[in-house]
Amino acid sequence: MLFLEDFLESELLESKLSIIYLCFVVLDELPGELRERCKEIKDLDAEITAKHAVATAEIEEYFGTCQTMQEDVKCARLKELQETFARLRSQSERKIYLSERMQDLLEKYNQHLEKEKMHLKFELEADNAGVTEVIEKRFADYVDQMFSQRKEKRKRPHPSISSNGVNTLLNGTTEEVRYT
């Protein structure tokens, strides 16, 4: 992995895409770890949801037939259901634990990036006084421009919407629907 100082000294700094590339280099390992943890949480969530649906159906069945069951069978079945829900709860707690660990990881990466940003800012200021303000202003202007372009795209009407604002694709015909 490239270090920030090595990257800044490289010739890629001169190109317009160097700042974007720098972000990808610094964050190179973050997406992999996040993907792994998110996948693990997603798998746990799917497993818990499936088991919860089965356990809920079993509970409904239990309450539907518990009046005809013998007392010892009823107690044994209730204990099984309680153990099933206890396992589901422990799996849910594991999912919460993984989420908290992922949040801690993101906070550590954020602190690391903030520290690297400050070092970069100090290095740039040492070489050229006032350059970071110019860069930050240009970046803020660029971001504002991108947001305004996105807003303009959203304001444009979709071609499938007729002049009266009714989407003719919804009713399956091409004739306009008029309300009186």
N, C-alpha and C. Protein backbone atom coordinates (compact mmCIF):
# COMPACT_ATOMS: atom_id res chain seq x y z
N MET A 1 0.84 -1.17 0.00
CA MET A 1 0.00 0.00 0.00
C MET A 1 0.89 1.24 0.00
N LEU A 2 0.51 2.20 -0.78
CA LEU A 2 1.27 3.44 -0.84
C LEU A 2 0.99 4.28 0.40
N PHE A 3 2.02 4.96 0.87
CA PHE A 3 1.82 5.90 1.95
C PHE A 3 1.51 7.25 1.35
N LEU A 4 0.91 8.10 2.13
CA LEU A 4 0.47 9.40 1.65
C LEU A 4 1.65 10.22 1.15
N GLU A 5 2.76 10.20 1.88
CA GLU A 5 3.93 10.98 1.46
C GLU A 5 4.46 10.47 0.12
N ASP A 6 4.51 9.15 -0.06
CA ASP A 6 4.99 8.58 -1.33
C ASP A 6 4.08 9.01 -2.48
N PHE A 7 2.81 9.01 -2.23
CA PHE A 7 1.86 9.38 -3.28
C PHE A 7 2.01 10.85 -3.64
N LEU A 8 2.16 11.69 -2.62
CA LEU A 8 2.27 13.12 -2.89
C LEU A 8 3.53 13.46 -3.67
N GLU A 9 4.59 12.68 -3.46
CA GLU A 9 5.83 12.93 -4.18
C GLU A 9 5.79 12.36 -5.60
N SER A 10 4.84 11.51 -5.89
CA SER A 10 4.77 10.90 -7.21
C SER A 10 4.27 11.89 -8.25
N GLU A 11 4.40 11.54 -9.51
CA GLU A 11 3.99 12.43 -10.59
C GLU A 11 2.48 12.49 -10.79
N LEU A 12 1.71 11.61 -10.14
CA LEU A 12 0.25 11.64 -10.27
C LEU A 12 -0.36 12.89 -9.64
N LEU A 13 0.38 13.53 -8.76
CA LEU A 13 -0.14 14.71 -8.08
C LEU A 13 -0.42 15.83 -9.07
N GLU A 14 0.28 15.83 -10.18
CA GLU A 14 0.12 16.90 -11.15
C GLU A 14 -1.17 16.77 -11.95
N SER A 15 -1.72 15.61 -12.08
CA SER A 15 -2.93 15.44 -12.88
C SER A 15 -4.17 15.91 -12.11
N LYS A 16 -5.22 16.19 -12.84
CA LYS A 16 -6.46 16.66 -12.22
C LYS A 16 -7.12 15.58 -11.37
N LEU A 17 -6.91 14.32 -11.68
CA LEU A 17 -7.55 13.23 -10.96
C LEU A 17 -6.76 12.78 -9.74
N SER A 18 -5.66 13.45 -9.44
CA SER A 18 -4.80 12.98 -8.36
C SER A 18 -5.50 13.02 -7.00
N ILE A 19 -6.33 14.01 -6.75
CA ILE A 19 -7.01 14.09 -5.45
C ILE A 19 -7.99 12.94 -5.30
N ILE A 20 -8.72 12.63 -6.36
CA ILE A 20 -9.67 11.51 -6.30
C ILE A 20 -8.90 10.20 -6.13
N TYR A 21 -7.82 10.05 -6.86
CA TYR A 21 -7.00 8.85 -6.74
C TYR A 21 -6.42 8.74 -5.34
N LEU A 22 -6.01 9.87 -4.77
CA LEU A 22 -5.48 9.88 -3.42
C LEU A 22 -6.51 9.34 -2.43
N CYS A 23 -7.75 9.75 -2.58
CA CYS A 23 -8.81 9.26 -1.69
C CYS A 23 -8.96 7.75 -1.81
N PHE A 24 -8.91 7.22 -3.04
CA PHE A 24 -9.03 5.77 -3.22
C PHE A 24 -7.84 5.04 -2.63
N VAL A 25 -6.65 5.61 -2.73
CA VAL A 25 -5.46 4.96 -2.19
C VAL A 25 -5.53 4.93 -0.67
N VAL A 26 -5.92 6.05 -0.07
CA VAL A 26 -5.99 6.12 1.39
C VAL A 26 -7.06 5.18 1.93
N LEU A 27 -8.18 5.08 1.21
CA LEU A 27 -9.30 4.25 1.66
C LEU A 27 -9.26 2.84 1.08
N ASP A 28 -8.12 2.44 0.56
CA ASP A 28 -8.00 1.17 -0.15
C ASP A 28 -8.48 -0.01 0.67
N GLU A 29 -8.12 -0.07 1.93
CA GLU A 29 -8.47 -1.24 2.73
C GLU A 29 -9.83 -1.13 3.41
N LEU A 30 -10.36 0.05 3.51
CA LEU A 30 -11.64 0.25 4.19
C LEU A 30 -12.80 -0.49 3.53
N PRO A 31 -12.99 -0.39 2.22
CA PRO A 31 -14.15 -1.07 1.63
C PRO A 31 -14.14 -2.59 1.82
N GLY A 32 -12.98 -3.22 1.76
CA GLY A 32 -12.91 -4.67 1.94
C GLY A 32 -13.38 -5.09 3.31
N GLU A 33 -12.89 -4.41 4.32
CA GLU A 33 -13.31 -4.74 5.69
C GLU A 33 -14.78 -4.46 5.90
N LEU A 34 -15.24 -3.34 5.37
CA LEU A 34 -16.66 -3.01 5.51
C LEU A 34 -17.53 -4.03 4.78
N ARG A 35 -17.12 -4.42 3.59
CA ARG A 35 -17.89 -5.43 2.84
C ARG A 35 -17.98 -6.72 3.62
N GLU A 36 -16.86 -7.16 4.21
CA GLU A 36 -16.87 -8.41 4.96
C GLU A 36 -17.81 -8.33 6.17
N ARG A 37 -17.69 -7.24 6.90
CA ARG A 37 -18.54 -7.10 8.09
C ARG A 37 -20.00 -6.92 7.71
N CYS A 38 -20.26 -6.15 6.66
CA CYS A 38 -21.66 -5.97 6.22
C CYS A 38 -22.24 -7.29 5.73
N LYS A 39 -21.44 -8.09 5.03
CA LYS A 39 -21.91 -9.39 4.55
C LYS A 39 -22.22 -10.30 5.73
N GLU A 40 -21.36 -10.28 6.74
CA GLU A 40 -21.59 -11.11 7.92
C GLU A 40 -22.88 -10.68 8.63
N ILE A 41 -23.08 -9.38 8.77
CA ILE A 41 -24.30 -8.87 9.41
C ILE A 41 -25.52 -9.22 8.56
N LYS A 42 -25.39 -9.09 7.25
CA LYS A 42 -26.51 -9.42 6.35
C LYS A 42 -26.87 -10.90 6.46
N ASP A 43 -25.86 -11.77 6.48
CA ASP A 43 -26.12 -13.21 6.60
C ASP A 43 -26.78 -13.54 7.94
N LEU A 44 -26.27 -12.92 9.01
CA LEU A 44 -26.89 -13.13 10.32
C LEU A 44 -28.33 -12.65 10.32
N ASP A 45 -28.57 -11.51 9.72
CA ASP A 45 -29.92 -10.96 9.68
C ASP A 45 -30.87 -11.87 8.92
N ALA A 46 -30.41 -12.39 7.78
CA ALA A 46 -31.26 -13.30 6.99
C ALA A 46 -31.55 -14.58 7.78
N GLU A 47 -30.53 -15.09 8.44
CA GLU A 47 -30.71 -16.31 9.24
C GLU A 47 -31.68 -16.07 10.40
N ILE A 48 -31.51 -14.95 11.07
CA ILE A 48 -32.39 -14.63 12.21
C ILE A 48 -33.83 -14.44 11.73
N THR A 49 -34.00 -13.76 10.61
CA THR A 49 -35.34 -13.53 10.09
C THR A 49 -36.03 -14.84 9.73
N ALA A 50 -35.29 -15.73 9.08
CA ALA A 50 -35.87 -17.02 8.70
C ALA A 50 -36.24 -17.84 9.94
N LYS A 51 -35.32 -17.89 10.90
CA LYS A 51 -35.59 -18.66 12.12
C LYS A 51 -36.73 -18.03 12.93
N HIS A 52 -36.81 -16.71 12.92
CA HIS A 52 -37.87 -16.04 13.66
C HIS A 52 -39.24 -16.36 13.05
N ALA A 53 -39.31 -16.41 11.72
CA ALA A 53 -40.57 -16.75 11.06
C ALA A 53 -41.00 -18.17 11.42
N VAL A 54 -40.04 -19.09 11.44
CA VAL A 54 -40.35 -20.48 11.80
C VAL A 54 -40.79 -20.55 13.26
N ALA A 55 -40.07 -19.85 14.14
CA ALA A 55 -40.40 -19.89 15.56
C ALA A 55 -41.76 -19.25 15.83
N THR A 56 -42.09 -18.20 15.12
CA THR A 56 -43.40 -17.56 15.28
C THR A 56 -44.51 -18.51 14.84
N ALA A 57 -44.30 -19.21 13.75
CA ALA A 57 -45.30 -20.19 13.30
C ALA A 57 -45.45 -21.31 14.33
N GLU A 58 -44.33 -21.74 14.93
CA GLU A 58 -44.39 -22.78 15.94
C GLU A 58 -45.15 -22.29 17.19
N ILE A 59 -44.96 -21.04 17.54
CA ILE A 59 -45.68 -20.49 18.70
C ILE A 59 -47.17 -20.43 18.43
N GLU A 60 -47.54 -19.99 17.23
CA GLU A 60 -48.96 -19.95 16.88
C GLU A 60 -49.56 -21.35 16.93
N GLU A 61 -48.80 -22.32 16.44
CA GLU A 61 -49.27 -23.71 16.48
C GLU A 61 -49.39 -24.18 17.94
N TYR A 62 -48.40 -23.80 18.75
CA TYR A 62 -48.41 -24.21 20.16
C TYR A 62 -49.66 -23.66 20.87
N PHE A 63 -49.93 -22.37 20.69
CA PHE A 63 -51.09 -21.79 21.36
C PHE A 63 -52.41 -22.31 20.79
N GLY A 64 -52.38 -22.75 19.55
CA GLY A 64 -53.59 -23.32 18.96
C GLY A 64 -53.88 -24.71 19.48
N THR A 65 -52.85 -25.45 19.86
CA THR A 65 -53.05 -26.83 20.30
C THR A 65 -52.72 -27.07 21.76
N CYS A 66 -52.33 -26.04 22.51
CA CYS A 66 -51.89 -26.26 23.89
C CYS A 66 -53.03 -26.71 24.81
N GLN A 67 -54.25 -26.38 24.46
CA GLN A 67 -55.37 -26.78 25.32
C GLN A 67 -55.63 -28.28 25.27
N THR A 68 -55.23 -28.93 24.19
CA THR A 68 -55.45 -30.37 24.06
C THR A 68 -54.24 -31.18 24.47
N MET A 69 -53.10 -30.52 24.76
CA MET A 69 -51.87 -31.23 25.12
C MET A 69 -51.87 -31.61 26.60
N GLN A 70 -51.09 -32.64 26.87
CA GLN A 70 -50.91 -33.01 28.26
C GLN A 70 -49.96 -31.99 28.91
N GLU A 71 -50.03 -31.90 30.20
CA GLU A 71 -49.28 -30.87 30.93
C GLU A 71 -47.76 -31.02 30.75
N ASP A 72 -47.23 -32.23 30.82
CA ASP A 72 -45.79 -32.42 30.68
C ASP A 72 -45.32 -32.14 29.25
N VAL A 73 -46.12 -32.49 28.25
CA VAL A 73 -45.79 -32.21 26.85
C VAL A 73 -45.84 -30.70 26.61
N LYS A 74 -46.84 -30.08 27.22
CA LYS A 74 -47.00 -28.64 27.07
C LYS A 74 -45.79 -27.90 27.64
N CYS A 75 -45.33 -28.30 28.82
CA CYS A 75 -44.17 -27.65 29.45
C CYS A 75 -42.90 -27.88 28.65
N ALA A 76 -42.73 -29.11 28.14
CA ALA A 76 -41.53 -29.42 27.35
C ALA A 76 -41.50 -28.60 26.06
N ARG A 77 -42.64 -28.50 25.40
CA ARG A 77 -42.72 -27.73 24.15
C ARG A 77 -42.47 -26.25 24.40
N LEU A 78 -43.02 -25.73 25.50
CA LEU A 78 -42.82 -24.33 25.86
C LEU A 78 -41.34 -24.05 26.14
N LYS A 79 -40.69 -24.99 26.81
CA LYS A 79 -39.26 -24.84 27.11
C LYS A 79 -38.44 -24.84 25.82
N GLU A 80 -38.80 -25.69 24.85
CA GLU A 80 -38.11 -25.71 23.55
C GLU A 80 -38.26 -24.37 22.83
N LEU A 81 -39.47 -23.84 22.86
CA LEU A 81 -39.72 -22.56 22.21
C LEU A 81 -38.94 -21.42 22.89
N GLN A 82 -38.87 -21.46 24.21
CA GLN A 82 -38.10 -20.44 24.92
C GLN A 82 -36.61 -20.54 24.58
N GLU A 83 -36.09 -21.75 24.45
CA GLU A 83 -34.69 -21.93 24.07
C GLU A 83 -34.43 -21.44 22.65
N THR A 84 -35.39 -21.68 21.76
CA THR A 84 -35.26 -21.20 20.39
C THR A 84 -35.19 -19.69 20.36
N PHE A 85 -36.06 -19.03 21.10
CA PHE A 85 -36.04 -17.56 21.13
C PHE A 85 -34.81 -17.03 21.85
N ALA A 86 -34.27 -17.77 22.82
CA ALA A 86 -33.03 -17.36 23.48
C ALA A 86 -31.86 -17.41 22.49
N ARG A 87 -31.84 -18.45 21.64
CA ARG A 87 -30.79 -18.53 20.60
C ARG A 87 -30.92 -17.38 19.61
N LEU A 88 -32.16 -17.08 19.23
CA LEU A 88 -32.39 -15.96 18.32
C LEU A 88 -31.93 -14.64 18.95
N ARG A 89 -32.19 -14.51 20.21
CA ARG A 89 -31.76 -13.28 20.91
C ARG A 89 -30.24 -13.18 20.95
N SER A 90 -29.56 -14.28 21.21
CA SER A 90 -28.09 -14.25 21.25
C SER A 90 -27.51 -13.94 19.86
N GLN A 91 -28.15 -14.47 18.82
CA GLN A 91 -27.69 -14.14 17.46
C GLN A 91 -27.93 -12.66 17.15
N SER A 92 -29.04 -12.13 17.62
CA SER A 92 -29.32 -10.71 17.42
C SER A 92 -28.31 -9.85 18.18
N GLU A 93 -27.95 -10.27 19.36
CA GLU A 93 -26.93 -9.55 20.14
C GLU A 93 -25.58 -9.60 19.44
N ARG A 94 -25.27 -10.72 18.80
CA ARG A 94 -24.02 -10.82 18.02
C ARG A 94 -24.05 -9.83 16.86
N LYS A 95 -25.20 -9.72 16.21
CA LYS A 95 -25.34 -8.78 15.10
C LYS A 95 -25.13 -7.35 15.59
N ILE A 96 -25.67 -7.03 16.74
CA ILE A 96 -25.48 -5.70 17.32
C ILE A 96 -24.01 -5.47 17.67
N TYR A 97 -23.36 -6.49 18.21
CA TYR A 97 -21.95 -6.40 18.55
C TYR A 97 -21.12 -6.13 17.29
N LEU A 98 -21.41 -6.84 16.21
CA LEU A 98 -20.69 -6.62 14.95
C LEU A 98 -20.91 -5.21 14.42
N SER A 99 -22.12 -4.73 14.56
CA SER A 99 -22.43 -3.36 14.11
C SER A 99 -21.65 -2.34 14.93
N GLU A 100 -21.56 -2.55 16.22
CA GLU A 100 -20.80 -1.64 17.07
C GLU A 100 -19.31 -1.68 16.73
N ARG A 101 -18.79 -2.87 16.45
CA ARG A 101 -17.39 -2.98 16.05
C ARG A 101 -17.14 -2.26 14.73
N MET A 102 -18.10 -2.37 13.81
CA MET A 102 -17.96 -1.69 12.53
C MET A 102 -17.99 -0.17 12.73
N GLN A 103 -18.83 0.28 13.62
CA GLN A 103 -18.88 1.71 13.92
C GLN A 103 -17.55 2.17 14.52
N ASP A 104 -16.98 1.38 15.42
CA ASP A 104 -15.67 1.72 15.99
C ASP A 104 -14.60 1.77 14.90
N LEU A 105 -14.65 0.83 13.97
CA LEU A 105 -13.70 0.81 12.87
C LEU A 105 -13.82 2.08 12.02
N LEU A 106 -15.04 2.48 11.73
CA LEU A 106 -15.24 3.70 10.94
C LEU A 106 -14.75 4.93 11.69
N GLU A 107 -14.94 4.97 12.99
CA GLU A 107 -14.45 6.10 13.78
C GLU A 107 -12.93 6.14 13.77
N LYS A 108 -12.28 4.98 13.87
CA LYS A 108 -10.81 4.94 13.82
C LYS A 108 -10.29 5.39 12.46
N TYR A 109 -10.93 4.93 11.39
CA TYR A 109 -10.51 5.37 10.06
C TYR A 109 -10.74 6.87 9.90
N ASN A 110 -11.82 7.36 10.41
CA ASN A 110 -12.10 8.78 10.32
C ASN A 110 -11.03 9.59 11.06
N GLN A 111 -10.66 9.16 12.25
CA GLN A 111 -9.62 9.84 13.01
C GLN A 111 -8.29 9.80 12.26
N HIS A 112 -7.98 8.63 11.69
CA HIS A 112 -6.74 8.49 10.92
C HIS A 112 -6.73 9.44 9.72
N LEU A 113 -7.85 9.50 9.01
CA LEU A 113 -7.92 10.37 7.84
C LEU A 113 -7.88 11.84 8.22
N GLU A 114 -8.49 12.19 9.33
CA GLU A 114 -8.42 13.58 9.80
C GLU A 114 -6.98 13.96 10.14
N LYS A 115 -6.26 13.03 10.77
CA LYS A 115 -4.86 13.29 11.11
C LYS A 115 -4.03 13.43 9.84
N GLU A 116 -4.23 12.55 8.88
CA GLU A 116 -3.51 12.63 7.61
C GLU A 116 -3.85 13.91 6.86
N LYS A 117 -5.12 14.32 6.93
CA LYS A 117 -5.54 15.55 6.27
C LYS A 117 -4.83 16.76 6.88
N MET A 118 -4.73 16.77 8.20
CA MET A 118 -4.05 17.89 8.86
C MET A 118 -2.56 17.91 8.51
N HIS A 119 -1.93 16.74 8.46
CA HIS A 119 -0.51 16.69 8.07
C HIS A 119 -0.33 17.20 6.65
N LEU A 120 -1.21 16.78 5.76
CA LEU A 120 -1.14 17.23 4.37
C LEU A 120 -1.33 18.74 4.29
N LYS A 121 -2.28 19.23 5.05
CA LYS A 121 -2.54 20.67 5.05
C LYS A 121 -1.32 21.44 5.55
N PHE A 122 -0.70 20.96 6.62
CA PHE A 122 0.48 21.62 7.15
C PHE A 122 1.64 21.58 6.15
N GLU A 123 1.81 20.44 5.48
CA GLU A 123 2.87 20.33 4.48
C GLU A 123 2.63 21.28 3.31
N LEU A 124 1.39 21.35 2.85
CA LEU A 124 1.07 22.25 1.74
C LEU A 124 1.25 23.71 2.16
N GLU A 125 0.84 24.05 3.36
CA GLU A 125 0.99 25.42 3.85
C GLU A 125 2.46 25.78 4.03
N ALA A 126 3.28 24.81 4.42
CA ALA A 126 4.71 25.09 4.59
C ALA A 126 5.35 25.44 3.26
N ASP A 127 4.92 24.78 2.19
CA ASP A 127 5.49 25.04 0.86
C ASP A 127 4.89 26.30 0.23
N ASN A 128 3.58 26.46 0.32
CA ASN A 128 2.87 27.58 -0.31
C ASN A 128 1.82 28.10 0.66
N ALA A 129 2.08 29.25 1.24
CA ALA A 129 1.13 29.82 2.20
C ALA A 129 -0.18 30.16 1.50
N GLY A 130 -1.30 29.76 2.11
CA GLY A 130 -2.62 30.08 1.59
C GLY A 130 -3.15 29.13 0.54
N VAL A 131 -2.38 28.13 0.14
CA VAL A 131 -2.82 27.23 -0.92
C VAL A 131 -3.97 26.34 -0.48
N THR A 132 -4.02 25.96 0.80
CA THR A 132 -5.09 25.08 1.24
C THR A 132 -6.44 25.77 1.20
N GLU A 133 -6.46 27.07 1.49
CA GLU A 133 -7.72 27.80 1.39
C GLU A 133 -8.24 27.81 -0.03
N VAL A 134 -7.34 27.98 -0.99
CA VAL A 134 -7.72 27.99 -2.40
C VAL A 134 -8.25 26.62 -2.81
N ILE A 135 -7.56 25.58 -2.39
CA ILE A 135 -7.98 24.21 -2.73
C ILE A 135 -9.34 23.91 -2.11
N GLU A 136 -9.51 24.26 -0.83
CA GLU A 136 -10.78 24.00 -0.15
C GLU A 136 -11.92 24.78 -0.80
N LYS A 137 -11.67 26.02 -1.22
CA LYS A 137 -12.70 26.82 -1.88
C LYS A 137 -13.07 26.20 -3.22
N ARG A 138 -12.07 25.79 -4.00
CA ARG A 138 -12.35 25.15 -5.29
C ARG A 138 -13.14 23.86 -5.11
N PHE A 139 -12.77 23.08 -4.11
CA PHE A 139 -13.48 21.82 -3.87
C PHE A 139 -14.91 22.09 -3.45
N ALA A 140 -15.11 23.07 -2.56
CA ALA A 140 -16.47 23.40 -2.12
C ALA A 140 -17.31 23.89 -3.30
N ASP A 141 -16.71 24.70 -4.17
CA ASP A 141 -17.43 25.16 -5.36
C ASP A 141 -17.79 23.99 -6.27
N TYR A 142 -16.86 23.06 -6.43
CA TYR A 142 -17.11 21.89 -7.27
C TYR A 142 -18.26 21.05 -6.70
N VAL A 143 -18.25 20.83 -5.39
CA VAL A 143 -19.31 20.04 -4.75
C VAL A 143 -20.65 20.75 -4.90
N ASP A 144 -20.67 22.07 -4.68
CA ASP A 144 -21.91 22.83 -4.85
C ASP A 144 -22.43 22.72 -6.28
N GLN A 145 -21.51 22.78 -7.24
CA GLN A 145 -21.89 22.67 -8.65
C GLN A 145 -22.49 21.29 -8.93
N MET A 146 -21.90 20.25 -8.39
CA MET A 146 -22.41 18.89 -8.61
C MET A 146 -23.80 18.73 -7.99
N PHE A 147 -24.01 19.27 -6.79
CA PHE A 147 -25.32 19.19 -6.16
C PHE A 147 -26.37 19.95 -6.96
N SER A 148 -26.00 21.12 -7.46
CA SER A 148 -26.98 21.89 -8.22
C SER A 148 -27.32 21.18 -9.53
N GLN A 149 -26.34 20.52 -10.16
CA GLN A 149 -26.63 19.75 -11.37
C GLN A 149 -27.57 18.60 -11.08
N ARG A 150 -27.38 17.93 -9.96
CA ARG A 150 -28.26 16.82 -9.59
C ARG A 150 -29.68 17.32 -9.34
N LYS A 151 -29.79 18.47 -8.69
CA LYS A 151 -31.12 19.03 -8.42
C LYS A 151 -31.81 19.38 -9.72
N GLU A 152 -31.07 19.93 -10.68
CA GLU A 152 -31.65 20.27 -11.96
C GLU A 152 -32.14 19.03 -12.70
N LYS A 153 -31.38 17.95 -12.62
CA LYS A 153 -31.79 16.70 -13.27
C LYS A 153 -33.08 16.17 -12.66
N ARG A 154 -33.22 16.33 -11.36
CA ARG A 154 -34.43 15.84 -10.68
C ARG A 154 -35.65 16.68 -11.02
N LYS A 155 -35.44 17.96 -11.30
CA LYS A 155 -36.55 18.85 -11.60
C LYS A 155 -37.12 18.62 -12.99
N ARG A 156 -36.32 18.10 -13.90
CA ARG A 156 -36.81 17.86 -15.26
C ARG A 156 -37.88 16.78 -15.24
N PRO A 157 -38.97 16.97 -16.00
CA PRO A 157 -40.04 15.95 -16.01
C PRO A 157 -39.58 14.70 -16.76
N HIS A 158 -40.07 13.58 -16.30
CA HIS A 158 -39.76 12.30 -16.94
C HIS A 158 -40.55 12.20 -18.24
N PRO A 159 -39.97 11.66 -19.33
CA PRO A 159 -40.67 11.60 -20.60
C PRO A 159 -41.96 10.79 -20.58
N SER A 160 -42.12 9.87 -19.63
CA SER A 160 -43.33 9.05 -19.61
C SER A 160 -44.47 9.74 -18.88
N ILE A 161 -44.24 10.94 -18.35
CA ILE A 161 -45.30 11.66 -17.65
C ILE A 161 -45.96 12.61 -18.65
N SER A 162 -47.26 12.52 -18.76
CA SER A 162 -47.99 13.35 -19.73
C SER A 162 -48.09 14.79 -19.24
N SER A 163 -48.67 15.63 -20.06
CA SER A 163 -48.74 17.05 -19.73
C SER A 163 -49.61 17.33 -18.52
N ASN A 164 -50.58 16.48 -18.24
CA ASN A 164 -51.42 16.73 -17.06
C ASN A 164 -50.84 16.07 -15.81
N GLY A 165 -49.65 15.48 -15.91
CA GLY A 165 -48.97 14.95 -14.73
C GLY A 165 -49.34 13.53 -14.39
N VAL A 166 -50.13 12.86 -15.19
CA VAL A 166 -50.51 11.48 -14.90
C VAL A 166 -49.60 10.56 -15.70
N ASN A 167 -49.02 9.60 -15.06
CA ASN A 167 -48.14 8.66 -15.73
C ASN A 167 -49.00 7.65 -16.48
N THR A 168 -48.96 7.71 -17.81
CA THR A 168 -49.81 6.82 -18.61
C THR A 168 -49.31 5.39 -18.60
N LEU A 169 -48.08 5.17 -18.16
CA LEU A 169 -47.58 3.80 -18.09
C LEU A 169 -48.23 3.03 -16.95
N LEU A 170 -48.71 3.75 -15.94
CA LEU A 170 -49.31 3.07 -14.80
C LEU A 170 -50.61 2.36 -15.16
N ASN A 171 -51.42 2.96 -16.02
CA ASN A 171 -52.69 2.33 -16.33
C ASN A 171 -52.61 1.41 -17.53
N GLY A 172 -51.44 1.28 -18.14
CA GLY A 172 -51.25 0.31 -19.21
C GLY A 172 -51.74 0.77 -20.57
N THR A 173 -52.18 2.01 -20.70
CA THR A 173 -52.63 2.51 -21.99
C THR A 173 -51.81 3.72 -22.37
N THR A 174 -51.96 4.15 -23.60
CA THR A 174 -51.24 5.33 -24.05
C THR A 174 -52.13 6.55 -24.10
N GLU A 175 -53.41 6.38 -23.82
CA GLU A 175 -54.31 7.53 -23.85
C GLU A 175 -54.24 8.24 -22.50
N GLU A 176 -54.42 9.55 -22.53
CA GLU A 176 -54.33 10.33 -21.31
C GLU A 176 -55.57 10.15 -20.45
N VAL A 177 -55.36 10.20 -19.16
CA VAL A 177 -56.46 10.10 -18.22
C VAL A 177 -56.76 11.51 -17.76
N ARG A 178 -57.98 11.93 -17.89
CA ARG A 178 -58.36 13.29 -17.49
C ARG A 178 -59.33 13.21 -16.31
N TYR A 179 -59.08 14.06 -15.35
CA TYR A 179 -59.97 14.14 -14.19
C TYR A 179 -60.83 15.39 -14.32
N THR A 180 -62.10 15.25 -14.06
CA THR A 180 -63.00 16.39 -14.15
C THR A 180 -63.58 16.74 -12.82
